[in-house]
Protein backbone atom coordinates (compact mmCIF):
# COMPACT_ATOMS: atom_id res chain seq x y z
CA UNK A 1 -25.97 90.21 28.09
CA UNK A 2 -22.39 89.51 28.82
CA UNK A 3 -21.44 88.21 32.04
CA UNK A 4 -20.04 91.20 34.60
CA UNK A 5 -17.75 90.92 37.67
CA UNK A 6 -19.68 92.50 40.33
CA UNK A 7 -18.50 90.61 43.68
CA UNK A 8 -15.09 89.61 44.85
CA UNK A 9 -14.90 87.54 47.74
CA UNK A 10 -13.10 85.58 50.51
CA UNK A 11 -13.54 82.96 53.16
CA UNK A 12 -13.12 83.60 56.64
CA UNK A 13 -12.81 81.75 59.84
CA UNK A 14 -13.70 84.45 62.38
CA UNK A 15 -16.02 87.05 61.13
CA UNK A 16 -15.98 89.31 64.07
CA UNK A 17 -11.95 89.82 63.52
CA UNK A 18 -12.24 89.65 59.70
CA UNK A 19 -14.96 92.32 59.78
CA UNK A 20 -12.62 94.36 61.83
CA UNK A 21 -9.63 94.01 59.98
CA UNK A 22 -11.31 94.91 56.74
CA UNK A 23 -12.88 98.11 58.22
CA UNK A 24 -9.34 99.32 59.08
CA UNK A 25 -8.69 99.11 55.19
CA UNK A 26 -11.81 101.39 54.67
CA UNK A 27 -14.40 98.98 53.79
CA UNK A 28 -17.80 99.83 55.30
CA UNK A 29 -20.27 96.66 56.76
CA UNK A 30 -23.32 97.31 57.95
CA UNK A 31 -24.14 97.27 61.64
CA UNK A 32 -23.95 93.98 63.19
CA UNK A 33 -22.17 92.46 60.46
CA UNK A 34 -19.92 90.87 62.80
CA UNK A 35 -22.70 88.19 63.82
CA UNK A 36 -23.79 87.39 59.93
CA UNK A 37 -22.32 84.13 57.97
CA UNK A 38 -22.41 86.68 54.89
CA UNK A 39 -21.90 90.20 54.65
CA UNK A 40 -20.95 92.42 51.70
CA UNK A 41 -19.28 95.81 51.39
CA UNK A 42 -19.99 97.99 48.72
CA UNK A 43 -17.05 99.43 46.48
CA UNK A 44 -16.43 102.10 43.78
CA UNK A 45 -18.16 101.01 40.40
CA UNK A 46 -21.01 98.77 41.78
CA UNK A 47 -18.48 95.95 42.74
CA UNK A 48 -18.70 94.05 46.21
CA UNK A 49 -16.34 92.64 48.63
CA UNK A 50 -17.93 89.89 50.49
CA UNK A 51 -16.82 87.88 53.39
CA UNK A 52 -17.96 84.30 54.06
CA UNK A 53 -18.02 82.35 57.05
CA UNK A 54 -16.20 78.34 56.35
CA UNK A 55 -19.54 77.16 57.66
CA UNK A 56 -21.48 79.23 54.84
CA UNK A 57 -18.99 77.44 52.46
CA UNK A 58 -19.69 74.00 53.54
CA UNK A 59 -23.52 74.73 53.92
CA UNK A 60 -23.43 74.63 49.95
CA UNK A 61 -20.21 72.55 49.70
CA UNK A 62 -19.87 70.23 52.64
CA UNK A 63 -16.37 68.81 51.22
CA UNK A 64 -14.95 72.40 50.93
CA UNK A 65 -12.02 72.62 52.59
CA UNK A 66 -9.37 75.82 52.98
CA UNK A 67 -6.84 75.62 50.60
CA UNK A 68 -3.27 75.49 52.29
CA UNK A 69 -0.58 76.51 49.37
CA UNK A 70 0.12 79.67 47.91
CA UNK A 71 -2.32 82.84 47.80
CA UNK A 72 -6.06 81.99 48.39
CA UNK A 73 -7.13 85.39 46.66
CA UNK A 74 -5.76 88.76 46.38
CA UNK A 75 -6.49 92.43 46.98
CA UNK A 76 -4.53 95.62 46.66
CA UNK A 77 -5.54 98.73 48.43
CA UNK A 78 -4.12 102.07 47.75
CA UNK A 79 -3.14 104.55 50.06
CA UNK A 80 -2.52 108.40 49.79
CA UNK A 81 1.04 107.95 50.61
CA UNK A 82 4.40 105.74 51.30
CA UNK A 83 4.12 106.97 55.05
CA UNK A 84 0.46 105.44 54.97
CA UNK A 85 1.39 102.35 53.73
CA UNK A 86 3.90 102.04 56.38
CA UNK A 87 1.35 103.12 58.97
CA UNK A 88 -1.27 100.98 57.70
CA UNK A 89 0.95 97.90 57.87
CA UNK A 90 1.72 98.17 61.45
CA UNK A 91 -1.46 98.99 62.25
CA UNK A 92 -2.91 95.66 60.54
CA UNK A 93 -0.41 93.53 62.14
CA UNK A 94 -1.82 94.76 65.19
CA UNK A 95 -5.38 93.78 64.03
CA UNK A 96 -4.42 90.34 63.59
CA UNK A 97 -2.88 90.36 60.52
CA UNK A 98 0.64 88.99 59.63
CA UNK A 99 3.74 90.39 57.55
CA UNK A 100 4.13 88.57 54.17
CA UNK A 101 6.77 91.26 52.59
CA UNK A 102 7.45 94.26 55.08
CA UNK A 103 7.21 97.54 52.99
CA UNK A 104 9.97 98.42 50.87
CA UNK A 105 10.30 101.16 47.63
CA UNK A 106 9.51 98.90 44.64
CA UNK A 107 11.26 99.58 41.65
CA UNK A 108 7.96 100.28 39.53
CA UNK A 109 7.96 103.47 41.88
CA UNK A 110 5.49 102.55 44.56
CA UNK A 111 5.86 102.04 48.18
CA UNK A 112 4.69 98.23 48.67
CA UNK A 113 3.99 96.11 51.30
CA UNK A 114 2.34 92.65 51.69
CA UNK A 115 0.75 91.33 54.72
CA UNK A 116 -2.04 88.31 55.47
CA UNK A 117 -5.09 89.18 57.05
CA UNK A 118 -5.97 86.88 59.88
CA UNK A 119 -6.98 84.01 57.90
CA UNK A 120 -3.88 84.11 55.76
CA UNK A 121 -5.27 86.14 52.77
CA UNK A 122 -2.50 87.93 51.29
CA UNK A 123 -3.11 91.84 51.12
CA UNK A 124 -1.19 94.44 49.46
CA UNK A 125 -0.90 97.89 50.31
CA UNK A 126 0.83 100.75 47.80
CA UNK A 127 1.26 104.19 47.15
CA UNK A 128 3.24 106.17 44.50
CA UNK A 129 6.71 107.27 45.63
CA UNK A 130 7.44 110.55 45.28
CA UNK A 131 9.11 111.36 42.03
CA UNK A 132 12.89 112.41 42.11
CA UNK A 133 14.09 115.93 41.53
């Protein structure tokens, strides 16, 4: 049997704030997830997106420290339209995110934006640009 990636996880400092943030991106966490040290949302294709508190990390790695430079991890969320990229970017800023790169029309044909979640993880939003006539 070959190894198979089935979980993508990030470490969070404030579980209730992070659950609320990622729910706005369409991830479905179970009721009560805000109070748990580890939660998962099912993704397409059998993949799962997991959130673990810093305390959970230190439970099995007492010397764990949050990285301080560069992107901690990444995740890109496809939107239905360029307008949705802009709308969701604003919503996520109000939900505790911070701007990394404001929405722009990328040369590769997408409306693209990057923001940090409440813990500094960079999240990308994108949608195809309409084709020029």
